[in-house]
Amino acid sequence: MAYPWSALVLVGVIIVTLILFLVLYFSTPSRRNFSLKKKHAVVTGGSKGIGKELAFALISRGCNISIIARNEKDLKTACEDLQTAADQRAQHQKVRWYSLDLTKDFTEAPFDIQPITDFENQMRVNFLSAVYATRCVVAGMKWKRSGHISFVSSAAGQCAIYGYTAYAPTKFALRGFADALQMELFPYNINVSILYPPNTDTEVNSNVNSVFSKVSSTSTHFMRMTM
């Protein structure tokens, strides 16, 4: 009894798909619970704000910490605070700091009056700085076949609002970068996550014009975290 060609093709597609699935399944490293104890965490923007609080949280989980920021004085102060917290745990944790000057903080203004240089600066600070930092560590992580990279975007990277024409696109760019990077690093057992915090009580946010603060406060409705 002859079988229709369509049926044979369907069976062939199913077999090939099953084989590919099995190959990928058995060649992909298992996803074990990721322990932070004795791991080395590099935190950019770690001298204050979200970065500093993240460093404290990582200390409490047993990490050794390297913090990177621009202001050397703030870095030294943060490093002392973090080392004190680490010493209280008596786990022989290490805290180091590195001063890297990128450029100015984020700016906000309507599109038609904002200098083009602001857009270029924002892309360097919020997007390319993350690319450069990732390039420095990813080769070693691939060699070890383990690790986790976490990017801090913004609620403005989920929903752009008035006055953030220079800032918001850089945060959207981070998401695209993280999504693509996760695909490339998945076979090496490296996870990539991205956070979208809303307005946060930091020194930078306290300096933002009150009008923009009021508008951007609605961004809490769009906060999202992907893991």
N, C-alpha and C. Protein backbone atom coordinates (compact mmCIF):
# COMPACT_ATOMS: atom_id res chain seq x y z
N MET A 1 0.84 -1.19 0.00
CA MET A 1 0.00 0.00 0.00
C MET A 1 0.89 1.26 0.00
N ALA A 2 0.74 2.13 -0.95
CA ALA A 2 1.55 3.34 -1.07
C ALA A 2 1.00 4.44 -0.17
N TYR A 3 1.91 5.12 0.49
CA TYR A 3 1.51 6.23 1.35
C TYR A 3 1.64 7.55 0.58
N PRO A 4 0.75 8.48 0.81
CA PRO A 4 0.83 9.78 0.14
C PRO A 4 2.14 10.49 0.50
N TRP A 5 2.69 11.22 -0.47
CA TRP A 5 3.93 11.94 -0.23
C TRP A 5 3.81 12.91 0.94
N SER A 6 2.66 13.53 1.08
CA SER A 6 2.48 14.49 2.17
C SER A 6 2.64 13.85 3.54
N ALA A 7 2.17 12.61 3.66
CA ALA A 7 2.30 11.90 4.93
C ALA A 7 3.75 11.57 5.22
N LEU A 8 4.48 11.15 4.18
CA LEU A 8 5.90 10.82 4.36
C LEU A 8 6.71 12.06 4.74
N VAL A 9 6.39 13.18 4.09
CA VAL A 9 7.08 14.43 4.42
C VAL A 9 6.82 14.83 5.86
N LEU A 10 5.57 14.70 6.30
CA LEU A 10 5.20 15.05 7.67
C LEU A 10 5.96 14.19 8.67
N VAL A 11 6.04 12.89 8.39
CA VAL A 11 6.77 11.98 9.29
C VAL A 11 8.24 12.37 9.34
N GLY A 12 8.80 12.72 8.17
CA GLY A 12 10.20 13.12 8.12
C GLY A 12 10.46 14.38 8.93
N VAL A 13 9.56 15.35 8.83
CA VAL A 13 9.71 16.59 9.58
C VAL A 13 9.65 16.32 11.08
N ILE A 14 8.74 15.46 11.49
CA ILE A 14 8.60 15.13 12.91
C ILE A 14 9.87 14.46 13.43
N ILE A 15 10.42 13.54 12.64
CA ILE A 15 11.63 12.83 13.06
C ILE A 15 12.82 13.79 13.18
N VAL A 16 12.98 14.65 12.18
CA VAL A 16 14.09 15.61 12.21
C VAL A 16 13.95 16.57 13.40
N THR A 17 12.72 17.03 13.64
CA THR A 17 12.47 17.93 14.77
C THR A 17 12.80 17.25 16.09
N LEU A 18 12.41 15.99 16.23
CA LEU A 18 12.69 15.24 17.46
C LEU A 18 14.18 15.07 17.66
N ILE A 19 14.90 14.77 16.58
CA ILE A 19 16.35 14.60 16.68
C ILE A 19 17.02 15.90 17.11
N LEU A 20 16.61 17.01 16.49
CA LEU A 20 17.18 18.30 16.86
C LEU A 20 16.91 18.65 18.31
N PHE A 21 15.69 18.35 18.77
CA PHE A 21 15.33 18.62 20.16
C PHE A 21 16.21 17.82 21.11
N LEU A 22 16.42 16.54 20.80
CA LEU A 22 17.23 15.69 21.66
C LEU A 22 18.69 16.14 21.68
N VAL A 23 19.20 16.54 20.52
CA VAL A 23 20.58 17.02 20.45
C VAL A 23 20.76 18.27 21.30
N LEU A 24 19.83 19.23 21.16
CA LEU A 24 19.91 20.46 21.94
C LEU A 24 19.73 20.20 23.43
N TYR A 25 18.83 19.28 23.76
CA TYR A 25 18.54 18.99 25.16
C TYR A 25 19.76 18.40 25.87
N PHE A 26 20.41 17.45 25.22
CA PHE A 26 21.52 16.77 25.87
C PHE A 26 22.84 17.53 25.74
N SER A 27 22.92 18.50 24.83
CA SER A 27 24.15 19.28 24.69
C SER A 27 24.12 20.56 25.50
N THR A 28 22.95 20.91 26.04
CA THR A 28 22.82 22.14 26.83
C THR A 28 23.09 21.84 28.30
N PRO A 29 23.96 22.61 28.97
CA PRO A 29 24.26 22.37 30.38
C PRO A 29 23.00 22.47 31.24
N SER A 30 22.98 21.67 32.30
CA SER A 30 21.83 21.69 33.20
C SER A 30 21.76 23.01 33.94
N ARG A 31 20.53 23.42 34.26
CA ARG A 31 20.31 24.68 34.96
C ARG A 31 20.21 24.43 36.45
N ARG A 32 21.35 24.43 37.12
CA ARG A 32 21.36 24.22 38.57
C ARG A 32 21.07 25.53 39.28
N ASN A 33 20.68 25.43 40.56
CA ASN A 33 20.49 26.63 41.36
C ASN A 33 21.81 27.39 41.44
N PHE A 34 21.77 28.66 41.18
CA PHE A 34 22.98 29.47 41.08
C PHE A 34 23.33 30.04 42.45
N SER A 35 24.41 29.55 43.03
CA SER A 35 24.86 30.04 44.34
C SER A 35 25.80 31.22 44.15
N LEU A 36 25.63 32.25 44.96
CA LEU A 36 26.47 33.44 44.87
C LEU A 36 27.65 33.39 45.84
N LYS A 37 27.69 32.43 46.72
CA LYS A 37 28.75 32.36 47.72
C LYS A 37 30.11 32.20 47.06
N LYS A 38 31.03 33.09 47.44
CA LYS A 38 32.40 33.10 46.93
C LYS A 38 32.51 33.45 45.45
N LYS A 39 31.41 33.89 44.86
CA LYS A 39 31.46 34.35 43.48
C LYS A 39 32.00 35.78 43.45
N HIS A 40 32.51 36.18 42.30
CA HIS A 40 33.00 37.55 42.13
C HIS A 40 31.97 38.34 41.36
N ALA A 41 31.41 39.37 41.99
CA ALA A 41 30.39 40.21 41.35
C ALA A 41 31.00 41.56 41.01
N VAL A 42 30.82 41.99 39.77
CA VAL A 42 31.27 43.30 39.32
C VAL A 42 30.05 44.20 39.19
N VAL A 43 30.02 45.29 39.92
CA VAL A 43 28.86 46.19 39.94
C VAL A 43 29.28 47.54 39.38
N THR A 44 28.76 47.90 38.21
CA THR A 44 29.04 49.23 37.67
C THR A 44 28.09 50.23 38.31
N GLY A 45 28.55 51.46 38.50
CA GLY A 45 27.75 52.45 39.22
C GLY A 45 27.56 52.06 40.66
N GLY A 46 28.59 51.43 41.24
CA GLY A 46 28.44 50.86 42.58
C GLY A 46 28.76 51.78 43.73
N SER A 47 29.03 53.06 43.47
CA SER A 47 29.40 53.96 44.57
C SER A 47 28.21 54.56 45.29
N LYS A 48 27.03 54.49 44.67
CA LYS A 48 25.84 55.08 45.29
C LYS A 48 24.59 54.52 44.61
N GLY A 49 23.43 54.90 45.15
CA GLY A 49 22.16 54.54 44.53
C GLY A 49 21.90 53.05 44.43
N ILE A 50 21.27 52.64 43.34
CA ILE A 50 20.90 51.24 43.13
C ILE A 50 22.14 50.35 43.14
N GLY A 51 23.21 50.82 42.51
CA GLY A 51 24.42 50.01 42.44
C GLY A 51 25.00 49.69 43.81
N LYS A 52 25.04 50.68 44.69
CA LYS A 52 25.58 50.47 46.02
C LYS A 52 24.69 49.53 46.83
N GLU A 53 23.39 49.71 46.75
CA GLU A 53 22.47 48.83 47.48
C GLU A 53 22.56 47.40 46.95
N LEU A 54 22.74 47.26 45.65
CA LEU A 54 22.92 45.93 45.07
C LEU A 54 24.19 45.29 45.61
N ALA A 55 25.25 46.08 45.73
CA ALA A 55 26.51 45.55 46.25
C ALA A 55 26.34 45.05 47.69
N PHE A 56 25.59 45.80 48.51
CA PHE A 56 25.31 45.34 49.88
C PHE A 56 24.55 44.01 49.86
N ALA A 57 23.57 43.91 48.97
CA ALA A 57 22.79 42.68 48.88
C ALA A 57 23.68 41.50 48.47
N LEU A 58 24.61 41.75 47.56
CA LEU A 58 25.51 40.69 47.12
C LEU A 58 26.48 40.29 48.22
N ILE A 59 26.92 41.27 49.01
CA ILE A 59 27.76 40.96 50.17
C ILE A 59 27.03 40.02 51.11
N SER A 60 25.75 40.29 51.34
CA SER A 60 24.97 39.45 52.26
C SER A 60 24.78 38.04 51.72
N ARG A 61 24.97 37.87 50.42
CA ARG A 61 24.86 36.54 49.81
C ARG A 61 26.21 35.84 49.67
N GLY A 62 27.26 36.46 50.18
CA GLY A 62 28.56 35.80 50.20
C GLY A 62 29.48 36.13 49.05
N CYS A 63 29.19 37.17 48.29
CA CYS A 63 30.01 37.52 47.12
C CYS A 63 31.26 38.31 47.50
N ASN A 64 32.27 38.19 46.66
CA ASN A 64 33.36 39.16 46.62
C ASN A 64 32.95 40.22 45.60
N ILE A 65 33.24 41.49 45.91
CA ILE A 65 32.68 42.59 45.13
C ILE A 65 33.76 43.47 44.51
N SER A 66 33.56 43.84 43.27
CA SER A 66 34.31 44.93 42.64
C SER A 66 33.30 45.97 42.20
N ILE A 67 33.47 47.20 42.68
CA ILE A 67 32.55 48.27 42.29
C ILE A 67 33.28 49.25 41.35
N ILE A 68 32.55 49.72 40.37
CA ILE A 68 33.10 50.63 39.36
C ILE A 68 32.22 51.87 39.30
N ALA A 69 32.84 53.03 39.32
CA ALA A 69 32.10 54.30 39.19
C ALA A 69 33.10 55.39 38.80
N ARG A 70 32.61 56.62 38.71
CA ARG A 70 33.46 57.72 38.26
C ARG A 70 34.14 58.47 39.39
N ASN A 71 33.40 58.72 40.47
CA ASN A 71 33.90 59.57 41.55
C ASN A 71 34.74 58.76 42.53
N GLU A 72 36.03 59.06 42.58
CA GLU A 72 36.94 58.29 43.42
C GLU A 72 36.62 58.42 44.91
N LYS A 73 36.24 59.61 45.33
CA LYS A 73 35.90 59.82 46.74
C LYS A 73 34.70 58.98 47.14
N ASP A 74 33.64 59.00 46.32
CA ASP A 74 32.46 58.19 46.62
C ASP A 74 32.78 56.70 46.58
N LEU A 75 33.66 56.32 45.68
CA LEU A 75 34.06 54.92 45.58
C LEU A 75 34.75 54.45 46.86
N LYS A 76 35.67 55.26 47.37
CA LYS A 76 36.39 54.89 48.58
C LYS A 76 35.43 54.75 49.76
N THR A 77 34.50 55.71 49.87
CA THR A 77 33.52 55.66 50.96
C THR A 77 32.65 54.41 50.85
N ALA A 78 32.17 54.14 49.64
CA ALA A 78 31.32 52.97 49.43
C ALA A 78 32.09 51.69 49.71
N CYS A 79 33.35 51.65 49.28
CA CYS A 79 34.17 50.46 49.50
C CYS A 79 34.38 50.20 50.98
N GLU A 80 34.61 51.26 51.75
CA GLU A 80 34.77 51.11 53.20
C GLU A 80 33.49 50.59 53.84
N ASP A 81 32.36 51.13 53.42
CA ASP A 81 31.07 50.68 53.97
C ASP A 81 30.83 49.21 53.64
N LEU A 82 31.12 48.84 52.40
CA LEU A 82 30.91 47.46 51.97
C LEU A 82 31.86 46.51 52.68
N GLN A 83 33.12 46.94 52.86
CA GLN A 83 34.08 46.07 53.53
C GLN A 83 33.70 45.87 54.99
N THR A 84 33.16 46.92 55.62
CA THR A 84 32.68 46.79 57.00
C THR A 84 31.57 45.76 57.08
N ALA A 85 30.63 45.83 56.14
CA ALA A 85 29.54 44.85 56.11
C ALA A 85 30.08 43.45 55.87
N ALA A 86 31.09 43.34 55.02
CA ALA A 86 31.68 42.03 54.73
C ALA A 86 32.42 41.48 55.95
N ASP A 87 33.16 42.34 56.65
CA ASP A 87 33.91 41.90 57.83
C ASP A 87 32.98 41.40 58.93
N GLN A 88 31.81 41.98 59.04
CA GLN A 88 30.85 41.55 60.06
C GLN A 88 30.37 40.13 59.81
N ARG A 89 30.45 39.70 58.57
CA ARG A 89 30.05 38.33 58.24
C ARG A 89 31.16 37.33 58.50
N ALA A 90 32.40 37.81 58.63
CA ALA A 90 33.55 36.95 58.92
C ALA A 90 33.66 35.81 57.92
N GLN A 91 33.47 36.13 56.65
CA GLN A 91 33.56 35.11 55.60
C GLN A 91 34.75 35.37 54.67
N HIS A 92 35.64 36.27 55.10
CA HIS A 92 36.84 36.59 54.31
C HIS A 92 36.48 37.08 52.91
N GLN A 93 35.47 37.92 52.83
CA GLN A 93 35.06 38.48 51.54
C GLN A 93 35.91 39.71 51.21
N LYS A 94 36.12 39.92 49.92
CA LYS A 94 36.95 41.04 49.47
C LYS A 94 36.11 42.06 48.71
N VAL A 95 36.45 43.32 48.92
CA VAL A 95 35.78 44.41 48.20
C VAL A 95 36.85 45.29 47.56
N ARG A 96 36.72 45.53 46.26
CA ARG A 96 37.67 46.39 45.55
C ARG A 96 36.90 47.45 44.77
N TRP A 97 37.57 48.56 44.47
CA TRP A 97 36.93 49.60 43.68
C TRP A 97 37.84 50.02 42.53
N TYR A 98 37.20 50.48 41.45
CA TYR A 98 37.92 50.93 40.25
C TYR A 98 37.21 52.18 39.73
N SER A 99 37.99 53.23 39.50
CA SER A 99 37.42 54.49 39.03
C SER A 99 37.50 54.57 37.51
N LEU A 100 36.35 54.69 36.86
CA LEU A 100 36.26 54.84 35.42
C LEU A 100 35.32 56.00 35.12
N ASP A 101 35.81 57.02 34.46
CA ASP A 101 35.01 58.20 34.14
C ASP A 101 34.41 58.05 32.76
N LEU A 102 33.09 57.97 32.69
CA LEU A 102 32.42 57.81 31.40
C LEU A 102 32.00 59.17 30.86
N THR A 103 30.94 59.73 31.38
CA THR A 103 30.48 61.05 30.94
C THR A 103 29.39 61.51 31.90
N LYS A 104 28.63 62.52 31.52
CA LYS A 104 27.69 63.12 32.46
C LYS A 104 26.44 62.27 32.68
N ASP A 105 25.63 62.67 33.67
CA ASP A 105 24.41 61.96 33.99
C ASP A 105 23.35 62.19 32.92
N PHE A 106 22.21 61.51 33.09
CA PHE A 106 21.18 61.61 32.07
C PHE A 106 20.55 63.00 32.05
N THR A 107 20.03 63.36 30.88
CA THR A 107 19.41 64.67 30.70
C THR A 107 17.98 64.49 30.25
N GLU A 108 17.17 65.53 30.47
CA GLU A 108 15.77 65.47 30.04
C GLU A 108 15.37 66.83 29.48
N ALA A 109 14.71 66.79 28.32
CA ALA A 109 14.24 68.02 27.67
C ALA A 109 13.43 67.61 26.45
N PRO A 110 12.53 68.47 25.99
CA PRO A 110 11.80 68.17 24.76
C PRO A 110 12.77 67.96 23.60
N PHE A 111 12.37 67.12 22.66
CA PHE A 111 13.25 66.70 21.57
C PHE A 111 13.81 67.85 20.76
N ASP A 112 12.95 68.82 20.42
CA ASP A 112 13.37 69.86 19.48
C ASP A 112 14.33 70.89 20.07
N ILE A 113 14.52 70.89 21.38
CA ILE A 113 15.46 71.84 21.98
C ILE A 113 16.66 71.14 22.61
N GLN A 114 16.70 69.82 22.52
CA GLN A 114 17.80 69.09 23.13
C GLN A 114 18.94 68.92 22.13
N PRO A 115 20.17 69.26 22.52
CA PRO A 115 21.31 69.13 21.61
C PRO A 115 21.53 67.67 21.18
N ILE A 116 21.94 67.48 19.94
CA ILE A 116 22.22 66.14 19.44
C ILE A 116 23.31 65.46 20.26
N THR A 117 24.24 66.25 20.78
CA THR A 117 25.31 65.67 21.60
C THR A 117 24.76 64.97 22.83
N ASP A 118 23.60 65.42 23.33
CA ASP A 118 22.98 64.74 24.48
C ASP A 118 22.60 63.31 24.12
N PHE A 119 22.11 63.11 22.91
CA PHE A 119 21.73 61.77 22.47
C PHE A 119 22.96 60.88 22.37
N GLU A 120 24.04 61.43 21.85
CA GLU A 120 25.28 60.66 21.73
C GLU A 120 25.84 60.32 23.11
N ASN A 121 25.82 61.28 24.01
CA ASN A 121 26.32 61.04 25.36
C ASN A 121 25.49 59.99 26.09
N GLN A 122 24.18 60.09 25.95
CA GLN A 122 23.30 59.13 26.61
C GLN A 122 23.53 57.71 26.11
N MET A 123 23.75 57.57 24.80
CA MET A 123 24.01 56.24 24.26
C MET A 123 25.32 55.68 24.81
N ARG A 124 26.31 56.54 24.98
CA ARG A 124 27.58 56.07 25.55
C ARG A 124 27.42 55.67 27.01
N VAL A 125 26.69 56.48 27.78
CA VAL A 125 26.56 56.22 29.21
C VAL A 125 25.68 55.00 29.49
N ASN A 126 24.50 54.99 28.91
CA ASN A 126 23.49 54.00 29.30
C ASN A 126 23.54 52.70 28.50
N PHE A 127 24.06 52.75 27.29
CA PHE A 127 24.10 51.53 26.47
C PHE A 127 25.52 51.03 26.23
N LEU A 128 26.36 51.85 25.61
CA LEU A 128 27.70 51.38 25.26
C LEU A 128 28.54 51.06 26.49
N SER A 129 28.32 51.77 27.59
CA SER A 129 29.07 51.44 28.81
C SER A 129 28.76 50.02 29.26
N ALA A 130 27.50 49.60 29.11
CA ALA A 130 27.12 48.23 29.45
C ALA A 130 27.75 47.23 28.48
N VAL A 131 27.82 47.61 27.21
CA VAL A 131 28.45 46.75 26.21
C VAL A 131 29.93 46.57 26.53
N TYR A 132 30.62 47.68 26.83
CA TYR A 132 32.05 47.61 27.12
C TYR A 132 32.32 46.76 28.36
N ALA A 133 31.54 46.98 29.40
CA ALA A 133 31.74 46.22 30.64
C ALA A 133 31.49 44.74 30.42
N THR A 134 30.48 44.42 29.64
CA THR A 134 30.16 43.02 29.36
C THR A 134 31.27 42.36 28.56
N ARG A 135 31.80 43.08 27.58
CA ARG A 135 32.89 42.53 26.77
C ARG A 135 34.10 42.17 27.64
N CYS A 136 34.31 42.91 28.72
CA CYS A 136 35.47 42.67 29.58
C CYS A 136 35.36 41.36 30.35
N VAL A 137 34.14 40.91 30.63
CA VAL A 137 33.97 39.75 31.50
C VAL A 137 33.43 38.51 30.80
N VAL A 138 32.84 38.67 29.63
CA VAL A 138 32.10 37.56 29.04
C VAL A 138 33.02 36.43 28.57
N ALA A 139 34.23 36.74 28.12
CA ALA A 139 35.13 35.69 27.66
C ALA A 139 35.48 34.72 28.79
N GLY A 140 35.79 35.28 29.97
CA GLY A 140 36.09 34.44 31.12
C GLY A 140 34.90 33.62 31.58
N MET A 141 33.72 34.20 31.49
CA MET A 141 32.51 33.49 31.89
C MET A 141 32.24 32.33 30.93
N LYS A 142 32.47 32.55 29.64
CA LYS A 142 32.28 31.47 28.66
C LYS A 142 33.29 30.35 28.91
N TRP A 143 34.51 30.73 29.26
CA TRP A 143 35.54 29.72 29.52
C TRP A 143 35.16 28.86 30.73
N LYS A 144 34.60 29.50 31.77
CA LYS A 144 34.17 28.78 32.96
C LYS A 144 32.82 28.11 32.78
N ARG A 145 32.10 28.52 31.73
CA ARG A 145 30.76 27.99 31.44
C ARG A 145 29.81 28.19 32.63
N SER A 146 29.83 29.37 33.19
CA SER A 146 28.92 29.69 34.29
C SER A 146 28.89 31.20 34.49
N GLY A 147 27.86 31.67 35.18
CA GLY A 147 27.78 33.08 35.50
C GLY A 147 26.41 33.67 35.23
N HIS A 148 26.25 34.91 35.62
CA HIS A 148 24.98 35.61 35.43
C HIS A 148 25.28 37.08 35.17
N ILE A 149 24.68 37.63 34.13
CA ILE A 149 24.82 39.05 33.80
C ILE A 149 23.47 39.70 33.97
N SER A 150 23.43 40.77 34.75
CA SER A 150 22.16 41.47 34.99
C SER A 150 22.32 42.94 34.62
N PHE A 151 21.44 43.42 33.75
CA PHE A 151 21.45 44.82 33.33
C PHE A 151 20.34 45.58 34.05
N VAL A 152 20.62 46.82 34.41
CA VAL A 152 19.60 47.69 34.99
C VAL A 152 19.15 48.67 33.92
N SER A 153 17.96 48.48 33.42
CA SER A 153 17.37 49.39 32.45
C SER A 153 16.57 50.43 33.22
N SER A 154 15.34 50.62 32.87
CA SER A 154 14.48 51.61 33.52
C SER A 154 13.06 51.37 33.07
N ALA A 155 12.11 51.85 33.86
CA ALA A 155 10.72 51.79 33.39
C ALA A 155 10.57 52.55 32.09
N ALA A 156 11.46 53.53 31.87
CA ALA A 156 11.45 54.27 30.60
C ALA A 156 11.91 53.40 29.44
N GLY A 157 12.46 52.24 29.74
CA GLY A 157 12.81 51.28 28.70
C GLY A 157 11.65 50.37 28.34
N GLN A 158 10.54 50.53 29.04
CA GLN A 158 9.30 49.81 28.74
C GLN A 158 8.27 50.74 28.11
N CYS A 159 8.25 51.98 28.59
CA CYS A 159 7.27 52.95 28.09
C CYS A 159 7.91 54.33 28.12
N ALA A 160 8.27 54.84 26.95
CA ALA A 160 8.91 56.15 26.87
C ALA A 160 7.89 57.25 27.17
N ILE A 161 8.35 58.31 27.83
CA ILE A 161 7.45 59.40 28.19
C ILE A 161 8.06 60.74 27.79
N TYR A 162 7.25 61.77 27.88
CA TYR A 162 7.63 63.13 27.48
C TYR A 162 8.93 63.56 28.14
N GLY A 163 9.81 64.13 27.34
CA GLY A 163 11.05 64.67 27.88
C GLY A 163 12.20 63.69 27.93
N TYR A 164 11.96 62.44 27.56
CA TYR A 164 13.00 61.42 27.67
C TYR A 164 13.40 60.88 26.30
N THR A 165 13.38 61.73 25.28
CA THR A 165 13.71 61.28 23.93
C THR A 165 15.17 60.88 23.80
N ALA A 166 16.04 61.40 24.64
CA ALA A 166 17.45 60.99 24.62
C ALA A 166 17.70 59.80 25.54
N TYR A 167 16.97 59.76 26.65
CA TYR A 167 17.21 58.74 27.68
C TYR A 167 16.53 57.41 27.35
N ALA A 168 15.24 57.45 27.02
CA ALA A 168 14.46 56.23 26.84
C ALA A 168 15.03 55.30 25.76
N PRO A 169 15.44 55.80 24.58
CA PRO A 169 15.95 54.88 23.56
C PRO A 169 17.16 54.07 24.02
N THR A 170 17.98 54.66 24.89
CA THR A 170 19.15 53.92 25.37
C THR A 170 18.73 52.75 26.25
N LYS A 171 17.63 52.93 26.97
CA LYS A 171 17.14 51.86 27.84
C LYS A 171 16.42 50.78 27.03
N PHE A 172 15.76 51.17 25.95
CA PHE A 172 15.20 50.19 25.03
C PHE A 172 16.32 49.38 24.38
N ALA A 173 17.42 50.04 24.06
CA ALA A 173 18.56 49.36 23.45
C ALA A 173 19.13 48.29 24.37
N LEU A 174 19.13 48.55 25.67
CA LEU A 174 19.62 47.56 26.63
C LEU A 174 18.81 46.28 26.56
N ARG A 175 17.50 46.42 26.39
CA ARG A 175 16.66 45.23 26.33
C ARG A 175 17.00 44.40 25.09
N GLY A 176 17.14 45.06 23.94
CA GLY A 176 17.50 44.32 22.74
C GLY A 176 18.84 43.63 22.88
N PHE A 177 19.79 44.32 23.49
CA PHE A 177 21.11 43.75 23.72
C PHE A 177 21.02 42.53 24.63
N ALA A 178 20.26 42.65 25.72
CA ALA A 178 20.13 41.55 26.68
C ALA A 178 19.45 40.34 26.05
N ASP A 179 18.40 40.58 25.27
CA ASP A 179 17.68 39.47 24.63
C ASP A 179 18.59 38.70 23.68
N ALA A 180 19.33 39.44 22.84
CA ALA A 180 20.22 38.79 21.89
C ALA A 180 21.38 38.09 22.59
N LEU A 181 21.92 38.74 23.63
CA LEU A 181 23.05 38.17 24.35
C LEU A 181 22.66 36.87 25.05
N GLN A 182 21.44 36.81 25.59
CA GLN A 182 20.99 35.58 26.25
C GLN A 182 21.00 34.40 25.28
N MET A 183 20.59 34.64 24.04
CA MET A 183 20.59 33.57 23.05
C MET A 183 22.02 33.07 22.78
N GLU A 184 22.97 33.99 22.72
CA GLU A 184 24.35 33.60 22.44
C GLU A 184 25.01 32.89 23.61
N LEU A 185 24.66 33.28 24.83
CA LEU A 185 25.34 32.74 26.01
C LEU A 185 24.64 31.54 26.62
N PHE A 186 23.43 31.25 26.19
CA PHE A 186 22.67 30.12 26.74
C PHE A 186 23.45 28.81 26.67
N PRO A 187 24.11 28.48 25.56
CA PRO A 187 24.84 27.21 25.50
C PRO A 187 26.02 27.14 26.48
N TYR A 188 26.43 28.28 27.02
CA TYR A 188 27.56 28.31 27.96
C TYR A 188 27.11 28.35 29.42
N ASN A 189 25.83 28.09 29.64
CA ASN A 189 25.28 28.06 31.00
C ASN A 189 25.37 29.43 31.69
N ILE A 190 25.27 30.49 30.90
CA ILE A 190 25.30 31.85 31.42
C ILE A 190 23.93 32.48 31.25
N ASN A 191 23.37 32.97 32.33
CA ASN A 191 22.06 33.61 32.29
C ASN A 191 22.20 35.12 32.14
N VAL A 192 21.23 35.72 31.49
CA VAL A 192 21.18 37.17 31.34
C VAL A 192 19.80 37.65 31.80
N SER A 193 19.78 38.65 32.66
CA SER A 193 18.50 39.21 33.11
C SER A 193 18.56 40.72 32.98
N ILE A 194 17.38 41.33 32.97
CA ILE A 194 17.32 42.79 32.87
C ILE A 194 16.23 43.31 33.79
N LEU A 195 16.52 44.37 34.51
CA LEU A 195 15.60 44.95 35.48
C LEU A 195 15.09 46.28 34.97
N TYR A 196 13.84 46.59 35.31
CA TYR A 196 13.20 47.84 34.88
C TYR A 196 12.69 48.61 36.09
N PRO A 197 13.58 49.19 36.91
CA PRO A 197 13.11 49.91 38.10
C PRO A 197 12.40 51.21 37.73
N PRO A 198 11.41 51.59 38.51
CA PRO A 198 10.74 52.89 38.32
C PRO A 198 11.57 53.98 38.98
N ASN A 199 10.96 55.14 39.23
CA ASN A 199 11.67 56.20 39.96
C ASN A 199 12.20 55.65 41.28
N THR A 200 13.44 55.97 41.56
CA THR A 200 14.09 55.47 42.76
C THR A 200 14.68 56.64 43.53
N ASP A 201 14.67 56.56 44.84
CA ASP A 201 15.15 57.65 45.68
C ASP A 201 16.67 57.66 45.68
N THR A 202 17.24 58.23 44.62
CA THR A 202 18.69 58.33 44.50
C THR A 202 19.08 59.79 44.33
N GLU A 203 20.38 60.06 44.41
CA GLU A 203 20.88 61.43 44.27
C GLU A 203 20.56 61.99 42.89
N VAL A 204 20.70 61.16 41.85
CA VAL A 204 20.41 61.61 40.49
C VAL A 204 18.95 62.02 40.36
N ASN A 205 18.06 61.18 40.88
CA ASN A 205 16.63 61.46 40.74
C ASN A 205 16.22 62.71 41.51
N SER A 206 16.89 63.00 42.60
CA SER A 206 16.54 64.19 43.39
C SER A 206 16.88 65.48 42.66
N ASN A 207 17.75 65.38 41.66
CA ASN A 207 18.15 66.57 40.90
C ASN A 207 17.31 66.79 39.65
N VAL A 208 16.40 65.87 39.36
CA VAL A 208 15.58 65.99 38.16
C VAL A 208 14.53 67.07 38.36
N ASN A 209 14.28 67.84 37.33
CA ASN A 209 13.27 68.88 37.39
C ASN A 209 11.95 68.31 37.90
N SER A 210 11.25 69.06 38.76
CA SER A 210 10.04 68.56 39.40
C SER A 210 8.95 68.20 38.41
N VAL A 211 8.89 68.91 37.28
CA VAL A 211 7.87 68.60 36.27
C VAL A 211 8.09 67.21 35.71
N PHE A 212 9.33 66.91 35.37
CA PHE A 212 9.63 65.60 34.81
C PHE A 212 9.48 64.51 35.86
N SER A 213 9.81 64.82 37.11
CA SER A 213 9.63 63.84 38.18
C SER A 213 8.16 63.47 38.32
N LYS A 214 7.28 64.47 38.23
CA LYS A 214 5.85 64.22 38.36
C LYS A 214 5.34 63.35 37.22
N VAL A 215 5.77 63.66 36.00
CA VAL A 215 5.34 62.88 34.84
C VAL A 215 5.88 61.46 34.92
N SER A 216 7.18 61.33 35.21
CA SER A 216 7.80 60.01 35.19
C SER A 216 7.38 59.15 36.35
N SER A 217 6.76 59.74 37.39
CA SER A 217 6.30 58.93 38.52
C SER A 217 5.23 57.93 38.11
N THR A 218 4.57 58.19 36.98
CA THR A 218 3.57 57.24 36.49
C THR A 218 4.20 55.99 35.94
N SER A 219 5.52 55.99 35.78
CA SER A 219 6.20 54.84 35.19
C SER A 219 6.14 53.61 36.06
N THR A 220 5.76 53.76 37.34
CA THR A 220 5.65 52.59 38.21
C THR A 220 4.63 51.60 37.68
N HIS A 221 3.69 52.07 36.86
CA HIS A 221 2.68 51.17 36.31
C HIS A 221 3.28 50.23 35.26
N PHE A 222 4.47 50.55 34.80
CA PHE A 222 5.05 49.78 33.72
C PHE A 222 6.29 49.01 34.14
N MET A 223 6.56 48.98 35.44
CA MET A 223 7.73 48.26 35.91
C MET A 223 7.61 46.78 35.59
N ARG A 224 8.70 46.20 35.14
CA ARG A 224 8.70 44.79 34.79
C ARG A 224 10.09 44.21 35.00
N MET A 225 10.14 42.97 35.36
CA MET A 225 11.43 42.31 35.52
C MET A 225 11.38 41.01 34.76
N THR A 226 12.42 40.73 33.99
CA THR A 226 12.51 39.46 33.27
C THR A 226 13.73 38.71 33.77
N MET A 227 13.58 37.47 33.93
CA MET A 227 14.69 36.65 34.40
C MET A 227 14.96 35.55 33.38
